[in-house]
PDB file of N, CA and C in Angstrom:
ATOM      1  N   MET A   1    -106.339  49.439  32.021  1.00  0.00           N
ATOM      2  CA  MET A   1    -106.923  49.088  33.290  1.00  0.00           C
ATOM      3  C   MET A   1    -108.440  49.064  33.145  1.00  0.00           C
ATOM      4  N   SER A   2    -109.053  47.976  33.540  1.00  0.00           N
ATOM      5  CA  SER A   2    -110.504  47.869  33.414  1.00  0.00           C
ATOM      6  C   SER A   2    -111.166  48.327  34.705  1.00  0.00           C
ATOM      7  N   ARG A   3    -112.331  48.930  34.539  1.00  0.00           N
ATOM      8  CA  ARG A   3    -113.089  49.414  35.697  1.00  0.00           C
ATOM      9  C   ARG A   3    -114.165  48.404  36.046  1.00  0.00           C
ATOM     10  N   PRO A   4    -114.571  48.352  37.316  1.00  0.00           N
ATOM     11  CA  PRO A   4    -115.660  47.447  37.699  1.00  0.00           C
ATOM     12  C   PRO A   4    -116.957  47.853  37.008  1.00  0.00           C
ATOM     13  N   ILE A   5    -117.780  46.873  36.704  1.00  0.00           N
ATOM     14  CA  ILE A   5    -119.039  47.118  35.998  1.00  0.00           C
ATOM     15  C   ILE A   5    -120.187  46.653  36.888  1.00  0.00           C
ATOM     16  N   ASP A   6    -121.244  47.494  36.965  1.00  0.00           N
ATOM     17  CA  ASP A   6    -122.399  47.117  37.787  1.00  0.00           C
ATOM     18  C   ASP A   6    -123.337  46.212  37.000  1.00  0.00           C
ATOM     19  N   SER A   7    -124.489  45.860  37.591  1.00  0.00           N
ATOM     20  CA  SER A   7    -125.418  44.914  36.971  1.00  0.00           C
ATOM     21  C   SER A   7    -126.061  45.449  35.695  1.00  0.00           C
ATOM     22  N   LYS A   8    -126.067  46.779  35.508  1.00  0.00           N
ATOM     23  CA  LYS A   8    -126.669  47.368  34.306  1.00  0.00           C
ATOM     24  C   LYS A   8    -125.659  47.507  33.175  1.00  0.00           C
ATOM     25  N   GLY A   9    -124.423  47.171  33.429  1.00  0.00           N
ATOM     26  CA  GLY A   9    -123.409  47.245  32.387  1.00  0.00           C
ATOM     27  C   GLY A   9    -122.661  48.564  32.382  1.00  0.00           C
ATOM     28  N   CYS A  10    -122.920  49.438  33.359  1.00  0.00           N
ATOM     29  CA  CYS A  10    -122.231  50.726  33.441  1.00  0.00           C
ATOM     30  C   CYS A  10    -120.997  50.585  34.311  1.00  0.00           C
ATOM     31  N   SER A  11    -119.977  51.357  33.971  1.00  0.00           N
ATOM     32  CA  SER A  11    -118.773  51.292  34.796  1.00  0.00           C
ATOM     33  C   SER A  11    -118.988  52.079  36.088  1.00  0.00           C
ATOM     34  N   ILE A  12    -118.397  51.583  37.170  1.00  0.00           N
ATOM     35  CA  ILE A  12    -118.535  52.206  38.482  1.00  0.00           C
ATOM     36  C   ILE A  12    -117.322  53.099  38.707  1.00  0.00           C
ATOM     37  N   VAL A  13    -117.583  54.366  39.027  1.00  0.00           N
ATOM     38  CA  VAL A  13    -116.510  55.310  39.293  1.00  0.00           C
ATOM     39  C   VAL A  13    -116.636  55.746  40.742  1.00  0.00           C
ATOM     40  N   ALA A  14    -115.565  55.609  41.486  1.00  0.00           N
ATOM     41  CA  ALA A  14    -115.583  56.001  42.897  1.00  0.00           C
ATOM     42  C   ALA A  14    -115.585  57.522  43.001  1.00  0.00           C
ATOM     43  N   ALA A  15    -116.288  58.041  44.006  1.00  0.00           N
ATOM     44  CA  ALA A  15    -116.339  59.482  44.234  1.00  0.00           C
ATOM     45  C   ALA A  15    -115.047  59.939  44.884  1.00  0.00           C
ATOM     46  N   ASP A  16    -114.801  61.233  44.816  1.00  0.00           N
ATOM     47  CA  ASP A  16    -113.622  61.791  45.473  1.00  0.00           C
ATOM     48  C   ASP A  16    -113.773  61.664  46.977  1.00  0.00           C
ATOM     49  N   ILE A  17    -112.693  61.363  47.629  1.00  0.00           N
ATOM     50  CA  ILE A  17    -112.705  61.262  49.086  1.00  0.00           C
ATOM     51  C   ILE A  17    -112.574  62.671  49.645  1.00  0.00           C
ATOM     52  N   VAL A  18    -113.469  63.003  50.581  1.00  0.00           N
ATOM     53  CA  VAL A  18    -113.510  64.345  51.139  1.00  0.00           C
ATOM     54  C   VAL A  18    -113.303  64.262  52.642  1.00  0.00           C
ATOM     55  N   ASN A  19    -112.435  65.114  53.154  1.00  0.00           N
ATOM     56  CA  ASN A  19    -112.240  65.202  54.599  1.00  0.00           C
ATOM     57  C   ASN A  19    -113.393  66.031  55.158  1.00  0.00           C
ATOM     58  N   LEU A  20    -114.236  65.428  56.000  1.00  0.00           N
ATOM     59  CA  LEU A  20    -115.435  66.101  56.492  1.00  0.00           C
ATOM     60  C   LEU A  20    -115.104  67.314  57.355  1.00  0.00           C
ATOM     61  N   ARG A  21    -114.036  67.258  58.112  1.00  0.00           N
ATOM     62  CA  ARG A  21    -113.648  68.396  58.945  1.00  0.00           C
ATOM     63  C   ARG A  21    -113.319  69.600  58.064  1.00  0.00           C
ATOM     64  N   GLN A  22    -112.557  69.358  56.997  1.00  0.00           N
ATOM     65  CA  GLN A  22    -112.225  70.439  56.082  1.00  0.00           C
ATOM     66  C   GLN A  22    -113.472  70.944  55.358  1.00  0.00           C
ATOM     67  N   PHE A  23    -114.370  70.032  55.020  1.00  0.00           N
ATOM     68  CA  PHE A  23    -115.603  70.418  54.340  1.00  0.00           C
ATOM     69  C   PHE A  23    -116.448  71.316  55.246  1.00  0.00           C
ATOM     70  N   ARG A  24    -116.579  70.925  56.539  1.00  0.00           N
ATOM     71  CA  ARG A  24    -117.356  71.725  57.492  1.00  0.00           C
ATOM     72  C   ARG A  24    -116.746  73.107  57.681  1.00  0.00           C
ATOM     73  N   LYS A  25    -115.427  73.157  57.771  1.00  0.00           N
ATOM     74  CA  LYS A  25    -114.750  74.442  57.952  1.00  0.00           C
ATOM     75  C   LYS A  25    -114.942  75.335  56.725  1.00  0.00           C
ATOM     76  N   ALA A  26    -114.859  74.763  55.556  1.00  0.00           N
ATOM     77  CA  ALA A  26    -115.043  75.541  54.333  1.00  0.00           C
ATOM     78  C   ALA A  26    -116.477  76.062  54.241  1.00  0.00           C
ATOM     79  N   LYS A  27    -117.440  75.230  54.618  1.00  0.00           N
ATOM     80  CA  LYS A  27    -118.838  75.645  54.593  1.00  0.00           C
ATOM     81  C   LYS A  27    -119.084  76.774  55.590  1.00  0.00           C
ATOM     82  N   ALA A  28    -118.522  76.647  56.798  1.00  0.00           N
ATOM     83  CA  ALA A  28    -118.662  77.692  57.816  1.00  0.00           C
ATOM     84  C   ALA A  28    -118.010  78.988  57.340  1.00  0.00           C
ATOM     85  N   ARG A  29    -116.895  78.878  56.657  1.00  0.00           N
ATOM     86  CA  ARG A  29    -116.194  80.053  56.143  1.00  0.00           C
ATOM     87  C   ARG A  29    -117.048  80.792  55.113  1.00  0.00           C
ATOM     88  N   THR A  30    -117.685  80.044  54.207  1.00  0.00           N
ATOM     89  CA  THR A  30    -118.522  80.693  53.190  1.00  0.00           C
ATOM     90  C   THR A  30    -119.766  81.322  53.815  1.00  0.00           C
ATOM     91  N   GLU A  31    -120.329  80.676  54.853  1.00  0.00           N
ATOM     92  CA  GLU A  31    -121.488  81.258  55.533  1.00  0.00           C
ATOM     93  C   GLU A  31    -121.110  82.541  56.261  1.00  0.00           C
ATOM     94  N   LYS A  32    -119.931  82.548  56.910  1.00  0.00           N
ATOM     95  CA  LYS A  32    -119.472  83.757  57.587  1.00  0.00           C
ATOM     96  C   LYS A  32    -119.224  84.880  56.585  1.00  0.00           C
ATOM     97  N   GLU A  33    -118.695  84.538  55.425  1.00  0.00           N
ATOM     98  CA  GLU A  33    -118.443  85.543  54.396  1.00  0.00           C
ATOM     99  C   GLU A  33    -119.751  86.146  53.897  1.00  0.00           C
ATOM    100  N   ALA A  34    -120.784  85.314  53.743  1.00  0.00           N
ATOM    101  CA  ALA A  34    -122.089  85.823  53.309  1.00  0.00           C
ATOM    102  C   ALA A  34    -122.675  86.756  54.366  1.00  0.00           C
ATOM    103  N   THR A  35    -122.542  86.384  55.641  1.00  0.00           N
ATOM    104  CA  THR A  35    -123.033  87.243  56.727  1.00  0.00           C
ATOM    105  C   THR A  35    -122.260  88.552  56.760  1.00  0.00           C
ATOM    106  N   ALA A  36    -120.953  88.476  56.563  1.00  0.00           N
ATOM    107  CA  ALA A  36    -120.126  89.685  56.560  1.00  0.00           C
ATOM    108  C   ALA A  36    -120.524  90.614  55.417  1.00  0.00           C
ATOM    109  N   GLU A  37    -120.830  90.040  54.275  1.00  0.00           N
ATOM    110  CA  GLU A  37    -121.260  90.852  53.127  1.00  0.00           C
ATOM    111  C   GLU A  37    -122.559  91.584  53.442  1.00  0.00           C
ATOM    112  N   GLN A  38    -123.502  90.893  54.070  1.00  0.00           N
ATOM    113  CA  GLN A  38    -124.765  91.528  54.449  1.00  0.00           C
ATOM    114  C   GLN A  38    -124.528  92.638  55.460  1.00  0.00           C
ATOM    115  N   ASN A  39    -123.628  92.415  56.412  1.00  0.00           N
ATOM    116  CA  ASN A  39    -123.333  93.435  57.414  1.00  0.00           C
ATOM    117  C   ASN A  39    -122.638  94.642  56.792  1.00  0.00           C
ATOM    118  N   ARG A  40    -121.779  94.401  55.805  1.00  0.00           N
ATOM    119  CA  ARG A  40    -121.131  95.537  55.133  1.00  0.00           C
ATOM    120  C   ARG A  40    -122.168  96.401  54.440  1.00  0.00           C
ATOM    121  N   ILE A  41    -123.189  95.763  53.874  1.00  0.00           N
ATOM    122  CA  ILE A  41    -124.245  96.525  53.203  1.00  0.00           C
ATOM    123  C   ILE A  41    -125.086  97.271  54.236  1.00  0.00           C
ATOM    124  N   SER A  42    -125.438  96.613  55.330  1.00  0.00           N
ATOM    125  CA  SER A  42    -126.320  97.205  56.331  1.00  0.00           C
ATOM    126  C   SER A  42    -125.639  98.271  57.172  1.00  0.00           C
ATOM    127  N   PHE A  43    -124.439  97.985  57.646  1.00  0.00           N
ATOM    128  CA  PHE A  43    -123.810  98.853  58.627  1.00  0.00           C
ATOM    129  C   PHE A  43    -122.599  99.612  58.097  1.00  0.00           C
ATOM    130  N   GLY A  44    -122.164  99.324  56.920  1.00  0.00           N
ATOM    131  CA  GLY A  44    -120.938  99.923  56.404  1.00  0.00           C
ATOM    132  C   GLY A  44    -121.164 101.241  55.690  1.00  0.00           C
ATOM    133  N   ARG A  45    -121.791 102.186  56.367  1.00  0.00           N
ATOM    134  CA  ARG A  45    -122.026 103.487  55.746  1.00  0.00           C
ATOM    135  C   ARG A  45    -121.132 104.535  56.405  1.00  0.00           C
ATOM    136  N   THR A  46    -120.719 105.525  55.626  1.00  0.00           N
ATOM    137  CA  THR A  46    -119.883 106.581  56.168  1.00  0.00           C
ATOM    138  C   THR A  46    -120.732 107.532  56.997  1.00  0.00           C
ATOM    139  N   LYS A  47    -120.063 108.383  57.762  1.00  0.00           N
ATOM    140  CA  LYS A  47    -120.760 109.353  58.604  1.00  0.00           C
ATOM    141  C   LYS A  47    -121.570 110.315  57.730  1.00  0.00           C
ATOM    142  N   ALA A  48    -121.031 110.696  56.588  1.00  0.00           N
ATOM    143  CA  ALA A  48    -121.733 111.601  55.676  1.00  0.00           C
ATOM    144  C   ALA A  48    -123.023 110.954  55.152  1.00  0.00           C
ATOM    145  N   GLU A  49    -122.954 109.685  54.814  1.00  0.00           N
ATOM    146  CA  GLU A  49    -124.150 108.988  54.329  1.00  0.00           C
ATOM    147  C   GLU A  49    -125.211 108.896  55.428  1.00  0.00           C
ATOM    148  N   LYS A  50    -124.761 108.614  56.661  1.00  0.00           N
ATOM    149  CA  LYS A  50    -125.708 108.532  57.774  1.00  0.00           C
ATOM    150  C   LYS A  50    -126.361 109.874  58.039  1.00  0.00           C
ATOM    151  N   SER A  51    -125.568 110.953  58.032  1.00  0.00           N
ATOM    152  CA  SER A  51    -126.139 112.273  58.305  1.00  0.00           C
ATOM    153  C   SER A  51    -127.069 112.700  57.171  1.00  0.00           C
ATOM    154  N   LEU A  52    -126.752 112.362  55.934  1.00  0.00           N
ATOM    155  CA  LEU A  52    -127.635 112.686  54.811  1.00  0.00           C
ATOM    156  C   LEU A  52    -128.973 111.972  54.964  1.00  0.00           C
ATOM    157  N   THR A  53    -128.940 110.696  55.303  1.00  0.00           N
ATOM    158  CA  THR A  53    -130.170 109.938  55.509  1.00  0.00           C
ATOM    159  C   THR A  53    -130.983 110.539  56.650  1.00  0.00           C
ATOM    160  N   HIS A  54    -130.303 110.929  57.728  1.00  0.00           N
ATOM    161  CA  HIS A  54    -130.987 111.529  58.875  1.00  0.00           C
ATOM    162  C   HIS A  54    -131.666 112.842  58.473  1.00  0.00           C
ATOM    163  N   ARG A  55    -130.956 113.687  57.717  1.00  0.00           N
ATOM    164  CA  ARG A  55    -131.535 114.964  57.263  1.00  0.00           C
ATOM    165  C   ARG A  55    -132.718 114.733  56.332  1.00  0.00           C
ATOM    166  N   LEU A  56    -132.606 113.769  55.436  1.00  0.00           N
ATOM    167  CA  LEU A  56    -133.711 113.486  54.515  1.00  0.00           C
ATOM    168  C   LEU A  56    -134.932 112.981  55.273  1.00  0.00           C
ATOM    169  N   ASN A  57    -134.715 112.150  56.288  1.00  0.00           N
ATOM    170  CA  ASN A  57    -135.833 111.655  57.100  1.00  0.00           C
ATOM    171  C   ASN A  57    -136.487 112.792  57.872  1.00  0.00           C
ATOM    172  N   GLU A  58    -135.682 113.707  58.420  1.00  0.00           N
ATOM    173  CA  GLU A  58    -136.237 114.860  59.134  1.00  0.00           C
ATOM    174  C   GLU A  58    -137.060 115.735  58.202  1.00  0.00           C
ATOM    175  N   LYS A  59    -136.549 115.963  57.003  1.00  0.00           N
ATOM    176  CA  LYS A  59    -137.263 116.800  56.033  1.00  0.00           C
ATOM    177  C   LYS A  59    -138.584 116.133  55.633  1.00  0.00           C
ATOM    178  N   ALA A  60    -138.581 114.825  55.425  1.00  0.00           N
ATOM    179  CA  ALA A  60    -139.802 114.109  55.052  1.00  0.00           C
ATOM    180  C   ALA A  60    -140.820 114.177  56.184  1.00  0.00           C
ATOM    181  N   THR A  61    -140.357 114.065  57.423  1.00  0.00           N
ATOM    182  CA  THR A  61    -141.258 114.147  58.579  1.00  0.00           C
ATOM    183  C   THR A  61    -141.843 115.553  58.681  1.00  0.00           C
ATOM    184  N   GLN A  62    -141.012 116.553  58.489  1.00  0.00           N
ATOM    185  CA  GLN A  62    -141.475 117.940  58.571  1.00  0.00           C
ATOM    186  C   GLN A  62    -142.502 118.226  57.473  1.00  0.00           C
ATOM    187  N   THR A  63    -142.250 117.772  56.268  1.00  0.00           N
ATOM    188  CA  THR A  63    -143.184 117.971  55.162  1.00  0.00           C
ATOM    189  C   THR A  63    -144.501 117.266  55.448  1.00  0.00           C
ATOM    190  N   HIS A  64    -144.416 116.083  56.015  1.00  0.00           N
ATOM    191  CA  HIS A  64    -145.619 115.333  56.356  1.00  0.00           C
ATOM    192  C   HIS A  64    -146.423 116.066  57.428  1.00  0.00           C
ATOM    193  N   GLU A  65    -145.751 116.581  58.437  1.00  0.00           N
ATOM    194  CA  GLU A  65    -146.427 117.294  59.520  1.00  0.00           C
ATOM    195  C   GLU A  65    -147.054 118.598  59.028  1.00  0.00           C
ATOM    196  N   GLN A  66    -146.457 119.246  58.041  1.00  0.00           N
ATOM    197  CA  GLN A  66    -147.000 120.495  57.511  1.00  0.00           C
ATOM    198  C   GLN A  66    -148.330 120.263  56.808  1.00  0.00           C
ATOM    199  N   GLY A  67    -148.529 119.091  56.265  1.00  0.00           N
ATOM    200  CA  GLY A  67    -149.768 118.789  55.573  1.00  0.00           C
ATOM    201  C   GLY A  67    -150.876 118.345  56.496  1.00  0.00           C
ATOM    202  N   ARG A  68    -150.593 118.199  57.767  1.00  0.00           N
ATOM    203  CA  ARG A  68    -151.580 117.730  58.739  1.00  0.00           C
ATOM    204  C   ARG A  68    -152.604 118.827  59.018  1.00  0.00           C
ATOM    205  N   LEU A  69    -153.876 118.454  59.054  1.00  0.00           N
ATOM    206  CA  LEU A  69    -154.936 119.390  59.393  1.00  0.00           C
ATOM    207  C   LEU A  69    -155.018 119.519  60.906  1.00  0.00           C
ATOM    208  N   GLU A  70    -155.380 120.710  61.363  1.00  0.00           N
ATOM    209  CA  GLU A  70    -155.492 120.917  62.804  1.00  0.00           C
ATOM    210  C   GLU A  70    -156.744 120.244  63.321  1.00  0.00           C
ATOM    211  N   ASP A  71    -156.705 119.814  64.557  1.00  0.00           N
ATOM    212  CA  ASP A  71    -157.842 119.150  65.198  1.00  0.00           C
ATOM    213  C   ASP A  71    -158.846 120.214  65.616  1.00  0.00           C
ATOM    214  N   THR A  72    -160.077 120.167  65.046  1.00  0.00           N
ATOM    215  CA  THR A  72    -161.107 121.160  65.365  1.00  0.00           C
ATOM    216  C   THR A  72    -162.148 120.595  66.312  1.00  0.00           C
ATOM    217  N   LYS A  73    -162.011 119.355  66.736  1.00  0.00           N
ATOM    218  CA  LYS A  73    -162.986 118.722  67.616  1.00  0.00           C
ATOM    219  C   LYS A  73    -162.965 119.305  69.023  1.00  0.00           C
ATOM    220  N   GLY A  74    -161.825 119.819  69.452  1.00  0.00           N
ATOM    221  CA  GLY A  74    -161.680 120.343  70.802  1.00  0.00           C
ATOM    222  C   GLY A  74    -162.398 121.659  71.003  1.00  0.00           C
ATOM    223  N   GLU A  75    -162.799 122.346  69.973  1.00  0.00           N
ATOM    224  CA  GLU A  75    -163.416 123.668  70.125  1.00  0.00           C
ATOM    225  C   GLU A  75    -164.903 123.614  70.253  1.00  0.00           C
TER     226      GLU A  75
END
């Protein structure tokens, strides 16, 4: 079977036919999956992990406040 040839002498190959509705749905599905992955990273922490982070933040704040010099301008 011979294929059609263009003006440059190259054979012309037709592209695959794609159903646009299916393509849009597949694209939306992959975008939702990417968003879900980001949300799992951001919000998917256990209660123990959240409480540990909270305690570490409190300790860092307390350490920072301990290094603060007292205001002597008021005296």
